């Protein structure tokens, strides 16, 4: 783990302080949790475009975001109107998509 120093405005410091006091943890833990929670909001649009351009695989997006592969597929399809989520994208995407489709078909028949 590495350490970074950041400056925040008074309003954000008040929120971090409040959360730290309520949870009885350090402000750095709260700041880390906030950064972690917000990282995918910043990352996903960029990664979705890279996926569309064929520059990154679904497997790599899953690894970078820490999200479940089904969540990644849902998010990418929301971000891209013409999301290229087909069996032919890459081996990992094909396998995941195939499993999801089988699951959906079996739940539809029940």
N, C-alpha and C. Protein backbone atom coordinates (compact mmCIF):
# COMPACT_ATOMS: atom_id res chain seq x y z
N UNK A 1 0.85 -1.17 0.00
CA UNK A 1 0.00 0.00 0.00
C UNK A 1 0.90 1.24 0.00
N UNK A 2 0.45 2.27 -0.71
CA UNK A 2 1.20 3.52 -0.75
C UNK A 2 0.39 4.61 -0.07
N UNK A 3 1.08 5.66 0.30
CA UNK A 3 0.43 6.79 0.96
C UNK A 3 0.41 7.96 0.00
N UNK A 4 -0.73 8.67 -0.06
CA UNK A 4 -0.83 9.90 -0.83
C UNK A 4 -1.37 10.99 0.08
N UNK A 5 -1.03 12.21 -0.23
CA UNK A 5 -1.55 13.36 0.51
C UNK A 5 -2.43 14.17 -0.42
N UNK A 6 -3.62 14.51 0.04
CA UNK A 6 -4.54 15.30 -0.78
C UNK A 6 -5.08 16.45 0.06
N UNK A 7 -5.45 17.52 -0.63
CA UNK A 7 -6.09 18.65 0.04
C UNK A 7 -7.58 18.58 -0.29
N UNK A 8 -8.40 18.80 0.73
CA UNK A 8 -9.85 18.83 0.53
C UNK A 8 -10.39 20.13 1.11
N UNK A 9 -11.54 20.56 0.58
CA UNK A 9 -12.13 21.79 1.11
C UNK A 9 -12.77 21.52 2.47
N UNK A 10 -13.14 22.60 3.13
CA UNK A 10 -13.69 22.49 4.49
C UNK A 10 -14.95 21.64 4.55
N UNK A 11 -15.80 21.75 3.54
CA UNK A 11 -17.06 21.00 3.54
C UNK A 11 -16.80 19.49 3.48
N UNK A 12 -15.88 19.09 2.61
CA UNK A 12 -15.56 17.66 2.51
C UNK A 12 -14.85 17.17 3.76
N UNK A 13 -13.99 18.01 4.34
CA UNK A 13 -13.33 17.64 5.59
C UNK A 13 -14.35 17.43 6.70
N UNK A 14 -15.38 18.27 6.73
CA UNK A 14 -16.42 18.12 7.75
C UNK A 14 -17.16 16.78 7.58
N UNK A 15 -17.42 16.41 6.35
CA UNK A 15 -18.09 15.12 6.08
C UNK A 15 -17.19 13.96 6.50
N UNK A 16 -15.93 14.03 6.11
CA UNK A 16 -14.99 12.96 6.46
C UNK A 16 -14.84 12.86 7.98
N UNK A 17 -14.73 14.00 8.64
CA UNK A 17 -14.61 14.01 10.10
C UNK A 17 -15.85 13.41 10.75
N UNK A 18 -17.02 13.81 10.29
CA UNK A 18 -18.27 13.28 10.83
C UNK A 18 -18.33 11.76 10.67
N UNK A 19 -18.05 11.27 9.46
CA UNK A 19 -18.09 9.83 9.22
C UNK A 19 -17.07 9.08 10.08
N UNK A 20 -15.88 9.65 10.20
CA UNK A 20 -14.84 9.01 11.01
C UNK A 20 -15.25 8.92 12.48
N UNK A 21 -15.83 9.99 12.98
CA UNK A 21 -16.28 9.98 14.38
C UNK A 21 -17.42 8.99 14.59
N UNK A 22 -18.35 8.95 13.66
CA UNK A 22 -19.49 8.03 13.79
C UNK A 22 -19.05 6.57 13.72
N UNK A 23 -18.12 6.28 12.82
CA UNK A 23 -17.65 4.90 12.65
C UNK A 23 -16.51 4.56 13.61
N UNK A 24 -16.00 5.58 14.29
CA UNK A 24 -14.88 5.42 15.22
C UNK A 24 -13.65 4.82 14.53
N UNK A 25 -13.32 5.42 13.39
CA UNK A 25 -12.12 5.05 12.63
C UNK A 25 -11.40 6.33 12.24
N UNK A 26 -10.22 6.18 11.68
CA UNK A 26 -9.45 7.37 11.28
C UNK A 26 -10.04 8.00 10.02
N UNK A 27 -9.72 9.27 9.85
CA UNK A 27 -10.17 9.98 8.65
C UNK A 27 -9.55 9.38 7.39
N UNK A 28 -8.35 8.83 7.50
CA UNK A 28 -7.73 8.24 6.32
C UNK A 28 -8.50 7.01 5.85
N UNK A 29 -9.07 6.25 6.77
CA UNK A 29 -9.88 5.09 6.38
C UNK A 29 -11.13 5.55 5.65
N UNK A 30 -11.76 6.61 6.14
CA UNK A 30 -12.94 7.16 5.48
C UNK A 30 -12.58 7.67 4.09
N UNK A 31 -11.48 8.42 3.99
CA UNK A 31 -11.05 8.95 2.69
C UNK A 31 -10.77 7.81 1.71
N UNK A 32 -10.12 6.76 2.17
CA UNK A 32 -9.83 5.61 1.31
C UNK A 32 -11.13 4.94 0.86
N UNK A 33 -12.09 4.79 1.78
CA UNK A 33 -13.38 4.19 1.43
C UNK A 33 -14.12 5.03 0.39
N UNK A 34 -14.08 6.36 0.56
CA UNK A 34 -14.73 7.25 -0.40
C UNK A 34 -14.07 7.16 -1.78
N UNK A 35 -12.75 7.14 -1.80
CA UNK A 35 -12.03 7.01 -3.07
C UNK A 35 -12.36 5.68 -3.75
N UNK A 36 -12.37 4.63 -2.96
CA UNK A 36 -12.66 3.30 -3.50
C UNK A 36 -14.08 3.24 -4.07
N UNK A 37 -15.03 3.82 -3.34
CA UNK A 37 -16.43 3.80 -3.78
C UNK A 37 -16.63 4.61 -5.06
N UNK A 38 -15.87 5.68 -5.22
CA UNK A 38 -16.04 6.54 -6.38
C UNK A 38 -15.19 6.20 -7.59
N UNK A 39 -14.22 5.31 -7.41
CA UNK A 39 -13.28 5.05 -8.51
C UNK A 39 -13.96 4.51 -9.76
N UNK A 40 -14.95 3.65 -9.58
CA UNK A 40 -15.58 3.05 -10.74
C UNK A 40 -16.45 4.03 -11.51
N UNK A 41 -16.96 5.08 -10.83
CA UNK A 41 -17.69 6.12 -11.53
C UNK A 41 -16.78 6.83 -12.52
N UNK A 42 -15.53 7.00 -12.16
CA UNK A 42 -14.57 7.65 -13.04
C UNK A 42 -14.01 6.68 -14.08
N UNK A 43 -13.77 5.45 -13.65
CA UNK A 43 -13.13 4.46 -14.52
C UNK A 43 -14.04 3.89 -15.60
N UNK A 44 -15.26 3.54 -15.24
CA UNK A 44 -16.11 2.78 -16.15
C UNK A 44 -16.38 3.45 -17.50
N UNK A 45 -16.68 4.74 -17.57
CA UNK A 45 -16.90 5.33 -18.90
C UNK A 45 -15.66 5.21 -19.80
N UNK A 46 -14.49 5.43 -19.23
CA UNK A 46 -13.26 5.32 -20.01
C UNK A 46 -13.02 3.87 -20.43
N UNK A 47 -13.20 2.94 -19.51
CA UNK A 47 -12.98 1.52 -19.82
C UNK A 47 -14.00 1.01 -20.82
N UNK A 48 -15.24 1.50 -20.74
CA UNK A 48 -16.27 1.09 -21.70
C UNK A 48 -15.88 1.52 -23.11
N UNK A 49 -15.38 2.74 -23.24
CA UNK A 49 -14.95 3.22 -24.56
C UNK A 49 -13.76 2.41 -25.07
N UNK A 50 -12.82 2.11 -24.17
CA UNK A 50 -11.67 1.29 -24.56
C UNK A 50 -12.13 -0.10 -25.00
N UNK A 51 -13.13 -0.65 -24.32
CA UNK A 51 -13.67 -1.96 -24.68
C UNK A 51 -14.30 -1.90 -26.06
N UNK A 52 -15.07 -0.84 -26.31
CA UNK A 52 -15.72 -0.66 -27.61
C UNK A 52 -14.67 -0.57 -28.72
N UNK A 53 -13.55 0.10 -28.42
CA UNK A 53 -12.48 0.27 -29.41
C UNK A 53 -11.59 -0.96 -29.53
N UNK A 54 -11.86 -1.99 -28.73
CA UNK A 54 -11.07 -3.22 -28.79
C UNK A 54 -9.72 -3.11 -28.10
N UNK A 55 -9.55 -2.14 -27.21
CA UNK A 55 -8.26 -1.92 -26.55
C UNK A 55 -8.15 -2.61 -25.20
N UNK A 56 -9.26 -3.15 -24.68
CA UNK A 56 -9.24 -3.79 -23.38
C UNK A 56 -10.29 -4.90 -23.37
N UNK A 57 -10.03 -5.93 -22.62
CA UNK A 57 -10.97 -7.05 -22.55
C UNK A 57 -11.89 -6.91 -21.35
N UNK A 58 -12.98 -7.64 -21.39
CA UNK A 58 -13.90 -7.68 -20.26
C UNK A 58 -13.18 -8.18 -19.01
N UNK A 59 -12.33 -9.17 -19.18
CA UNK A 59 -11.58 -9.73 -18.05
C UNK A 59 -10.72 -8.66 -17.37
N UNK A 60 -10.09 -7.80 -18.16
CA UNK A 60 -9.25 -6.73 -17.62
C UNK A 60 -10.11 -5.69 -16.89
N UNK A 61 -11.30 -5.39 -17.44
CA UNK A 61 -12.20 -4.45 -16.77
C UNK A 61 -12.63 -5.00 -15.42
N UNK A 62 -12.96 -6.29 -15.38
CA UNK A 62 -13.34 -6.94 -14.13
C UNK A 62 -12.20 -6.83 -13.12
N UNK A 63 -10.97 -7.08 -13.58
CA UNK A 63 -9.80 -7.02 -12.69
C UNK A 63 -9.56 -5.60 -12.17
N UNK A 64 -9.69 -4.61 -13.03
CA UNK A 64 -9.43 -3.22 -12.63
C UNK A 64 -10.50 -2.67 -11.68
N UNK A 65 -11.74 -3.01 -11.92
CA UNK A 65 -12.83 -2.44 -11.13
C UNK A 65 -13.17 -3.25 -9.89
N UNK A 66 -12.87 -4.54 -9.92
CA UNK A 66 -13.25 -5.40 -8.81
C UNK A 66 -14.73 -5.74 -8.80
N UNK A 67 -15.41 -5.42 -9.88
CA UNK A 67 -16.84 -5.71 -9.99
C UNK A 67 -17.07 -7.10 -10.54
N UNK A 68 -18.23 -7.67 -10.25
CA UNK A 68 -18.63 -8.96 -10.80
C UNK A 68 -18.81 -8.80 -12.31
N UNK A 69 -18.51 -9.86 -13.07
CA UNK A 69 -18.57 -9.75 -14.53
C UNK A 69 -19.97 -9.39 -15.04
N UNK A 70 -21.01 -9.85 -14.38
CA UNK A 70 -22.37 -9.50 -14.80
C UNK A 70 -22.60 -8.00 -14.60
N UNK A 71 -22.12 -7.45 -13.49
CA UNK A 71 -22.24 -6.01 -13.23
C UNK A 71 -21.49 -5.22 -14.28
N UNK A 72 -20.30 -5.68 -14.66
CA UNK A 72 -19.53 -4.99 -15.69
C UNK A 72 -20.29 -4.99 -17.01
N UNK A 73 -20.86 -6.12 -17.39
CA UNK A 73 -21.62 -6.19 -18.64
C UNK A 73 -22.81 -5.23 -18.59
N UNK A 74 -23.52 -5.20 -17.47
CA UNK A 74 -24.66 -4.29 -17.32
C UNK A 74 -24.21 -2.84 -17.45
N UNK A 75 -23.12 -2.48 -16.77
CA UNK A 75 -22.64 -1.10 -16.80
C UNK A 75 -22.14 -0.70 -18.18
N UNK A 76 -21.39 -1.57 -18.82
CA UNK A 76 -20.87 -1.27 -20.16
C UNK A 76 -22.03 -1.09 -21.14
N UNK A 77 -23.03 -1.95 -21.05
CA UNK A 77 -24.16 -1.84 -21.98
C UNK A 77 -24.96 -0.56 -21.74
N UNK A 78 -25.00 -0.06 -20.50
CA UNK A 78 -25.68 1.20 -20.22
C UNK A 78 -24.89 2.39 -20.76
N UNK A 79 -23.56 2.29 -20.69
CA UNK A 79 -22.71 3.40 -21.11
C UNK A 79 -22.57 3.50 -22.63
N UNK A 80 -22.72 2.38 -23.31
CA UNK A 80 -22.55 2.35 -24.76
C UNK A 80 -23.85 1.91 -25.42
N UNK A 81 -24.40 2.75 -26.27
CA UNK A 81 -25.63 2.38 -26.96
C UNK A 81 -25.41 1.17 -27.87
N UNK A 82 -24.25 1.11 -28.46
CA UNK A 82 -23.93 0.01 -29.38
C UNK A 82 -22.83 -0.86 -28.78
N UNK A 83 -23.03 -1.27 -27.53
CA UNK A 83 -22.02 -2.08 -26.83
C UNK A 83 -21.75 -3.37 -27.60
N UNK A 84 -20.48 -3.64 -27.87
CA UNK A 84 -20.12 -4.83 -28.66
C UNK A 84 -20.03 -6.09 -27.81
N UNK A 85 -21.07 -6.39 -27.06
CA UNK A 85 -21.05 -7.55 -26.18
C UNK A 85 -21.55 -8.77 -26.94
N UNK A 86 -20.65 -9.37 -27.66
CA UNK A 86 -21.00 -10.56 -28.43
C UNK A 86 -20.07 -11.69 -28.05
N UNK A 87 -20.42 -12.89 -28.47
CA UNK A 87 -19.58 -14.05 -28.18
C UNK A 87 -18.22 -13.93 -28.83
N UNK A 88 -18.10 -13.13 -29.87
CA UNK A 88 -16.85 -13.05 -30.62
C UNK A 88 -15.86 -12.03 -30.07
N UNK A 89 -16.23 -11.23 -29.07
CA UNK A 89 -15.33 -10.18 -28.56
C UNK A 89 -13.98 -10.71 -28.12
N UNK A 90 -14.00 -11.56 -27.14
CA UNK A 90 -12.79 -12.21 -26.67
C UNK A 90 -13.23 -13.48 -25.96
N UNK A 91 -12.31 -14.35 -25.69
CA UNK A 91 -12.66 -15.66 -25.12
C UNK A 91 -13.41 -15.51 -23.80
N UNK A 92 -12.95 -14.62 -22.95
CA UNK A 92 -13.58 -14.45 -21.64
C UNK A 92 -15.00 -13.91 -21.79
N UNK A 93 -15.17 -12.88 -22.61
CA UNK A 93 -16.49 -12.31 -22.83
C UNK A 93 -17.43 -13.36 -23.39
N UNK A 94 -16.93 -14.14 -24.33
CA UNK A 94 -17.76 -15.19 -24.92
C UNK A 94 -18.24 -16.19 -23.90
N UNK A 95 -17.35 -16.63 -23.03
CA UNK A 95 -17.73 -17.61 -21.99
C UNK A 95 -18.73 -17.01 -21.02
N UNK A 96 -18.47 -15.79 -20.58
CA UNK A 96 -19.37 -15.14 -19.62
C UNK A 96 -20.74 -14.91 -20.25
N UNK A 97 -20.75 -14.39 -21.47
CA UNK A 97 -22.01 -14.12 -22.16
C UNK A 97 -22.80 -15.41 -22.36
N UNK A 98 -22.11 -16.45 -22.73
CA UNK A 98 -22.77 -17.75 -22.93
C UNK A 98 -23.44 -18.22 -21.63
N UNK A 99 -22.73 -18.12 -20.51
CA UNK A 99 -23.29 -18.54 -19.22
C UNK A 99 -24.50 -17.69 -18.84
N UNK A 100 -24.41 -16.38 -19.08
CA UNK A 100 -25.53 -15.49 -18.74
C UNK A 100 -26.74 -15.83 -19.60
N UNK A 101 -26.53 -16.04 -20.89
CA UNK A 101 -27.64 -16.37 -21.78
C UNK A 101 -28.29 -17.69 -21.38
N UNK A 102 -27.49 -18.70 -21.04
CA UNK A 102 -28.04 -19.99 -20.59
C UNK A 102 -28.86 -19.80 -19.33
N UNK A 103 -28.35 -19.01 -18.41
CA UNK A 103 -29.06 -18.75 -17.15
C UNK A 103 -30.39 -18.05 -17.41
N UNK A 104 -30.37 -17.07 -18.29
CA UNK A 104 -31.60 -16.34 -18.61
C UNK A 104 -32.61 -17.25 -19.30
N UNK A 105 -32.14 -18.09 -20.21
CA UNK A 105 -33.05 -19.01 -20.90
C UNK A 105 -33.68 -20.00 -19.94
N UNK A 106 -32.89 -20.52 -19.01
CA UNK A 106 -33.43 -21.50 -18.07
C UNK A 106 -34.41 -20.84 -17.09
N UNK A 107 -34.16 -19.58 -16.72
CA UNK A 107 -35.10 -18.90 -15.82
C UNK A 107 -36.38 -18.53 -16.56
N UNK A 108 -36.30 -18.26 -17.87
CA UNK A 108 -37.49 -17.96 -18.66
C UNK A 108 -38.39 -19.18 -18.82
N UNK A 109 -37.78 -20.37 -18.91
CA UNK A 109 -38.56 -21.58 -19.12
C UNK A 109 -39.22 -22.07 -17.84
N UNK A 110 -38.81 -21.53 -16.69
CA UNK A 110 -39.42 -21.94 -15.40
C UNK A 110 -40.62 -21.14 -15.07
